[in-house]
Amino acid sequence: QVQLVESGGGLVQPGGSLRLSCAASGFIFRQYAARWFRQAPGKERELVAAIDSIGDQKKYAESVKGRFAISRDNVKNMEYLQMNSLKPEDTAVYYCNAIRAGTEYWGKGTLVTVSL
């Protein structure tokens, strides 16, 4: 059974940090690119960060460049999103995603709330 399970969300004050984790199972994770998306209330889901299958190439949305870092561990079948200098506008449900040749898997999401 294919699963992507996010963890690490929560409430954090502006300027704070969180690390999201995503555990993959049921497929050969190391063969897939990995991505993080987010969806804020009333907005469309947007791509936050992406990493290739071996962790060599990374890309970020302009809004998070210099603050967020995506990484992966293909031995542990994990992907991560380190989020620093968080802003209220980063409040959203964050989803992990794995994609390869048109096959795509999604987690159920973890809520990140940035507020005083």
Protein backbone atom coordinates (compact mmCIF):
# COMPACT_ATOMS: atom_id res chain seq x y z
CA GLN A 1 0.00 0.00 0.00
CA VAL A 2 1.45 3.33 -1.09
CA GLN A 3 1.65 5.91 1.68
CA LEU A 4 3.10 9.36 2.23
CA VAL A 5 2.65 10.51 5.81
CA GLU A 6 3.54 14.05 6.86
CA SER A 7 4.43 15.15 10.37
CA GLY A 8 5.90 18.17 12.14
CA GLY A 9 3.22 20.78 11.57
CA GLY A 10 1.88 22.98 14.33
CA LEU A 11 1.59 26.49 15.69
CA VAL A 12 4.68 28.70 15.58
CA GLN A 13 5.28 32.39 16.13
CA PRO A 14 6.45 34.65 13.30
CA GLY A 15 10.19 34.31 12.87
CA GLY A 16 10.18 30.79 14.20
CA SER A 17 11.13 27.49 12.59
CA LEU A 18 9.54 24.13 11.89
CA ARG A 19 10.78 20.98 10.23
CA LEU A 20 8.27 18.94 8.28
CA SER A 21 8.91 15.27 7.62
CA CYS A 22 7.29 12.88 5.19
CA ALA A 23 7.61 9.11 5.44
CA ALA A 24 7.21 7.18 2.19
CA SER A 25 6.29 3.51 1.91
CA GLY A 26 4.87 1.04 -0.59
CA PHE A 27 6.92 2.24 -3.57
CA ILE A 28 10.57 2.73 -4.57
CA PHE A 29 10.97 6.22 -3.16
CA ARG A 30 14.52 6.73 -4.43
CA GLN A 31 13.25 6.57 -8.02
CA TYR A 32 10.88 9.51 -7.54
CA ALA A 33 11.33 13.25 -7.42
CA ALA A 34 9.96 14.66 -4.18
CA ARG A 35 8.02 17.88 -3.67
CA TRP A 36 6.25 19.93 -1.03
CA PHE A 37 3.08 21.85 -1.82
CA ARG A 38 0.93 24.04 0.36
CA GLN A 39 -2.64 25.29 0.28
CA ALA A 40 -3.73 28.31 2.27
CA PRO A 41 -7.41 28.94 3.08
CA GLY A 42 -9.23 30.19 0.00
CA LYS A 43 -6.21 29.75 -2.26
CA GLU A 44 -5.03 27.20 -4.79
CA ARG A 45 -2.43 24.60 -3.95
CA GLU A 46 1.04 25.85 -4.83
CA LEU A 47 4.43 24.21 -5.26
CA VAL A 48 6.81 25.20 -2.46
CA ALA A 49 9.93 23.14 -3.12
CA ALA A 50 11.15 20.23 -5.21
CA ILE A 51 14.14 17.88 -5.17
CA ASP A 52 15.24 15.32 -7.74
CA SER A 53 15.47 11.60 -7.04
CA ILE A 54 19.08 11.67 -5.84
CA GLY A 55 18.89 14.99 -3.99
CA ASP A 56 21.17 16.77 -6.43
CA GLN A 57 18.89 19.47 -7.81
CA LYS A 58 16.49 21.61 -5.80
CA LYS A 59 14.13 24.40 -6.63
CA TYR A 60 11.95 26.73 -4.59
CA ALA A 61 9.05 29.09 -4.93
CA GLU A 62 10.23 32.70 -4.90
CA SER A 63 8.25 33.34 -1.74
CA VAL A 64 10.31 30.85 0.29
CA LYS A 65 13.78 31.13 -1.25
CA GLY A 66 16.44 31.63 1.40
CA ARG A 67 14.05 30.57 4.19
CA PHE A 68 13.04 26.98 3.35
CA ALA A 69 15.23 23.99 2.54
CA ILE A 70 14.11 20.69 1.05
CA SER A 71 16.06 17.49 1.59
CA ARG A 72 15.64 13.74 1.41
CA ASP A 73 17.07 10.52 2.81
CA ASN A 74 16.71 7.66 0.35
CA VAL A 75 17.89 5.12 2.92
CA LYS A 76 15.15 6.07 5.37
CA ASN A 77 12.61 6.84 2.60
CA MET A 78 12.03 10.30 4.00
CA GLU A 79 11.67 13.80 2.63
CA TYR A 80 11.97 16.95 4.73
CA LEU A 81 11.16 20.63 4.62
CA GLN A 82 13.08 22.87 6.97
CA MET A 83 11.21 26.16 7.36
CA ASN A 84 12.92 29.15 8.94
CA SER A 85 11.94 32.78 9.44
CA LEU A 86 8.30 31.82 9.17
CA LYS A 87 5.74 34.47 8.28
CA PRO A 88 1.97 34.57 8.83
CA GLU A 89 1.54 34.17 5.07
CA ASP A 90 3.22 30.76 5.32
CA THR A 91 0.13 29.50 7.15
CA ALA A 92 -1.26 26.60 5.12
CA VAL A 93 -1.74 22.88 4.94
CA TYR A 94 1.53 21.40 3.65
CA TYR A 95 1.48 18.29 1.47
CA CYS A 96 4.33 16.03 0.48
CA ASN A 97 4.35 14.55 -3.00
CA ALA A 98 6.37 12.05 -4.99
CA ILE A 99 6.33 11.96 -8.79
CA ARG A 100 7.89 9.86 -11.56
CA ALA A 101 6.93 9.58 -15.22
CA GLY A 102 3.34 10.65 -14.64
CA THR A 103 2.80 8.55 -11.52
CA GLU A 104 2.16 10.77 -8.54
CA TYR A 105 1.48 10.15 -4.86
CA TRP A 106 0.22 12.56 -2.21
CA GLY A 107 0.17 12.74 1.55
CA LYS A 108 -2.88 13.93 3.46
CA GLY A 109 -1.22 17.11 4.68
CA THR A 110 -0.08 18.72 7.90
CA LEU A 111 -1.26 22.12 9.12
CA VAL A 112 1.25 24.89 9.75
CA THR A 113 -0.05 27.98 11.51
CA VAL A 114 2.18 31.03 11.92
CA SER A 115 0.65 33.40 14.44
CA LEU A 116 1.34 35.26 17.66
